[in-house]
């Protein structure tokens, strides 16, 4: 039973990563179409979420 719970958790994390990545790529395409600067994508919601999660990973690793 524990393996099923672990598998469901892994699938949920991967699905969230796919959704966030797709959202980020759509923002990249939209920003390029609008002719905005290259760094504008990092100031969008998915960009800030990705940056925040990347900064959070070392903290989680340290605390665990």
Protein backbone atom coordinates (compact mmCIF):
# COMPACT_ATOMS: atom_id res chain seq x y z
CA UNK A 1 0.00 0.00 0.00
CA UNK A 2 2.90 2.37 0.74
CA UNK A 3 4.22 1.97 -2.81
CA UNK A 4 0.86 3.09 -4.23
CA UNK A 5 0.87 6.25 -2.12
CA UNK A 6 4.45 7.01 -3.16
CA UNK A 7 3.57 6.43 -6.81
CA UNK A 8 0.56 8.75 -6.60
CA UNK A 9 2.72 11.44 -4.97
CA UNK A 10 5.33 11.14 -7.72
CA UNK A 11 2.69 11.39 -10.44
CA UNK A 12 1.21 14.50 -8.80
CA UNK A 13 4.60 16.21 -8.65
CA UNK A 14 5.37 15.35 -12.27
CA UNK A 15 1.95 16.55 -13.40
CA UNK A 16 2.43 19.86 -11.57
CA UNK A 17 5.85 20.26 -13.21
CA UNK A 18 4.37 19.63 -16.67
CA UNK A 19 1.58 22.15 -16.10
CA UNK A 20 3.98 24.82 -14.81
CA UNK A 21 6.43 24.18 -17.65
CA UNK A 22 3.70 24.43 -20.27
CA UNK A 23 2.43 27.67 -18.73
CA UNK A 24 6.00 29.06 -18.75
CA UNK A 25 6.56 28.12 -22.41
CA UNK A 26 3.28 29.75 -23.45
CA UNK A 27 4.37 32.93 -21.66
CA UNK A 28 7.71 32.83 -23.50
CA UNK A 29 5.92 32.60 -26.83
CA UNK A 30 3.50 35.41 -25.91
CA UNK A 31 6.28 37.71 -24.72
CA UNK A 32 8.37 37.09 -27.85
CA UNK A 33 5.33 37.83 -30.02
CA UNK A 34 4.78 41.12 -28.19
CA UNK A 35 8.44 42.08 -28.67
CA UNK A 36 9.10 42.59 -24.98
CA UNK A 37 12.64 42.20 -23.51
CA UNK A 38 14.06 38.71 -22.86
CA UNK A 39 13.90 39.10 -19.08
CA UNK A 40 10.15 39.86 -19.04
CA UNK A 41 9.35 36.15 -18.86
CA UNK A 42 11.13 35.93 -15.50
CA UNK A 43 8.81 38.61 -14.11
CA UNK A 44 5.67 36.67 -15.05
CA UNK A 45 3.81 34.45 -12.57
CA UNK A 46 5.20 31.11 -13.84
CA UNK A 47 8.69 32.60 -14.04
CA UNK A 48 8.53 33.80 -10.45
CA UNK A 49 7.15 30.43 -9.31
CA UNK A 50 10.03 28.58 -10.98
CA UNK A 51 12.63 30.94 -9.52
CA UNK A 52 11.04 30.65 -6.07
CA UNK A 53 10.99 26.86 -6.24
CA UNK A 54 14.60 26.75 -7.37
CA UNK A 55 15.61 28.91 -4.43
CA UNK A 56 13.53 26.78 -2.08
CA UNK A 57 15.16 23.47 -3.05
CA UNK A 58 18.47 23.99 -1.20
CA UNK A 59 16.54 25.05 1.91
CA UNK A 60 14.41 21.90 1.81
CA UNK A 61 17.54 19.78 1.29
CA UNK A 62 19.27 21.51 4.20
CA UNK A 63 16.33 21.10 6.58
CA UNK A 64 15.79 17.46 5.71
